[in-house]
Amino acid sequence: MSEQITTAEELDALPVGSVVRSAADTIAARYDSQRGVVFGDDRSFPWSNLNLPATVLYRPEVTP
């Protein structure tokens, strides 16, 4: 079962290094406490701008 992020608070609580797929199908990684990056683009964006709900694809603290 995939973890769903439905609130801004849950999104903000994700650790740096997390990877998510947003409601707009954007796959993004959390770069630092305020920014995210999209694969294939070297420009960062405000992490809080991701469209919710989002699906967590990877959490750095969880071992596969």
C-alpha atoms as a PDB file:
ATOM      1  CA  MET A   1       0.000   0.000   0.000  1.00  0.00           C
ATOM      2  CA  SER A   2       1.318   3.440  -0.944  1.00  0.00           C
ATOM      3  CA  GLU A   3       1.484   6.289   1.518  1.00  0.00           C
ATOM      4  CA  GLN A   4      -0.753   9.193   0.513  1.00  0.00           C
ATOM      5  CA  ILE A   5      -0.003  12.772   1.537  1.00  0.00           C
ATOM      6  CA  THR A   6      -3.184  14.827   1.667  1.00  0.00           C
ATOM      7  CA  THR A   7      -2.289  17.904   3.749  1.00  0.00           C
ATOM      8  CA  ALA A   8       0.341  20.616   3.624  1.00  0.00           C
ATOM      9  CA  GLU A   9       1.442  19.560   7.115  1.00  0.00           C
ATOM     10  CA  GLU A  10       2.101  15.974   5.982  1.00  0.00           C
ATOM     11  CA  LEU A  11       4.015  17.237   2.943  1.00  0.00           C
ATOM     12  CA  ASP A  12       6.123  19.537   5.123  1.00  0.00           C
ATOM     13  CA  ALA A  13       6.890  16.646   7.500  1.00  0.00           C
ATOM     14  CA  LEU A  14       8.533  14.537   4.785  1.00  0.00           C
ATOM     15  CA  PRO A  15      12.301  14.338   5.292  1.00  0.00           C
ATOM     16  CA  VAL A  16      14.899  15.683   2.869  1.00  0.00           C
ATOM     17  CA  GLY A  17      15.545  13.048   0.222  1.00  0.00           C
ATOM     18  CA  SER A  18      11.930  11.896  -0.021  1.00  0.00           C
ATOM     19  CA  VAL A  19      10.501  11.362  -3.504  1.00  0.00           C
ATOM     20  CA  VAL A  20       6.827  11.868  -4.326  1.00  0.00           C
ATOM     21  CA  ARG A  21       4.414  11.846  -7.276  1.00  0.00           C
ATOM     22  CA  SER A  22       2.027  14.782  -7.065  1.00  0.00           C
ATOM     23  CA  ALA A  23      -1.582  14.938  -8.242  1.00  0.00           C
ATOM     24  CA  ALA A  24      -0.257  16.655 -11.390  1.00  0.00           C
ATOM     25  CA  ASP A  25       2.011  13.594 -12.028  1.00  0.00           C
ATOM     26  CA  THR A  26       5.132  15.558 -11.129  1.00  0.00           C
ATOM     27  CA  ILE A  27       7.830  13.325  -9.676  1.00  0.00           C
ATOM     28  CA  ALA A  28       9.901  15.411  -7.291  1.00  0.00           C
ATOM     29  CA  ALA A  29      12.537  14.960  -4.624  1.00  0.00           C
ATOM     30  CA  ARG A  30      12.809  17.064  -1.491  1.00  0.00           C
ATOM     31  CA  TYR A  31      16.105  18.949  -1.803  1.00  0.00           C
ATOM     32  CA  ASP A  32      16.168  20.802   1.522  1.00  0.00           C
ATOM     33  CA  SER A  33      13.686  22.024   4.131  1.00  0.00           C
ATOM     34  CA  GLN A  34      12.057  24.500   1.724  1.00  0.00           C
ATOM     35  CA  ARG A  35      12.766  23.312  -1.835  1.00  0.00           C
ATOM     36  CA  GLY A  36      12.214  20.399  -4.145  1.00  0.00           C
ATOM     37  CA  VAL A  37      13.617  19.439  -7.528  1.00  0.00           C
ATOM     38  CA  VAL A  38      12.080  17.696 -10.518  1.00  0.00           C
ATOM     39  CA  PHE A  39      14.164  15.048 -12.216  1.00  0.00           C
ATOM     40  CA  GLY A  40      15.733  16.373 -15.404  1.00  0.00           C
ATOM     41  CA  ASP A  41      15.555  20.042 -14.325  1.00  0.00           C
ATOM     42  CA  ASP A  42      18.276  21.741 -12.290  1.00  0.00           C
ATOM     43  CA  ARG A  43      15.981  24.523 -11.027  1.00  0.00           C
ATOM     44  CA  SER A  44      14.481  24.103  -7.579  1.00  0.00           C
ATOM     45  CA  PHE A  45      10.919  25.087  -6.620  1.00  0.00           C
ATOM     46  CA  PRO A  46       9.099  25.696  -3.329  1.00  0.00           C
ATOM     47  CA  TRP A  47       8.275  22.256  -1.882  1.00  0.00           C
ATOM     48  CA  SER A  48       4.931  23.595  -0.688  1.00  0.00           C
ATOM     49  CA  ASN A  49       3.863  24.178  -4.334  1.00  0.00           C
ATOM     50  CA  LEU A  50       3.363  20.466  -5.055  1.00  0.00           C
ATOM     51  CA  ASN A  51      -0.213  19.560  -5.963  1.00  0.00           C
ATOM     52  CA  LEU A  52      -1.883  17.352  -3.366  1.00  0.00           C
ATOM     53  CA  PRO A  53      -2.636  14.570  -2.881  1.00  0.00           C
ATOM     54  CA  ALA A  54       0.824  13.129  -3.394  1.00  0.00           C
ATOM     55  CA  THR A  55       2.048   9.548  -3.280  1.00  0.00           C
ATOM     56  CA  VAL A  56       5.304   8.840  -1.459  1.00  0.00           C
ATOM     57  CA  LEU A  57       7.573   6.828  -3.736  1.00  0.00           C
ATOM     58  CA  TYR A  58      10.659   6.825  -1.501  1.00  0.00           C
ATOM     59  CA  ARG A  59      11.528   7.770   2.080  1.00  0.00           C
ATOM     60  CA  PRO A  60      15.252   7.831   2.877  1.00  0.00           C
ATOM     61  CA  GLU A  61      14.742   6.441   6.383  1.00  0.00           C
ATOM     62  CA  VAL A  62      12.876   3.339   5.154  1.00  0.00           C
ATOM     63  CA  THR A  63      15.017   0.409   4.053  1.00  0.00           C
ATOM     64  CA  PRO A  64      13.533  -1.506   1.119  1.00  0.00           C
END
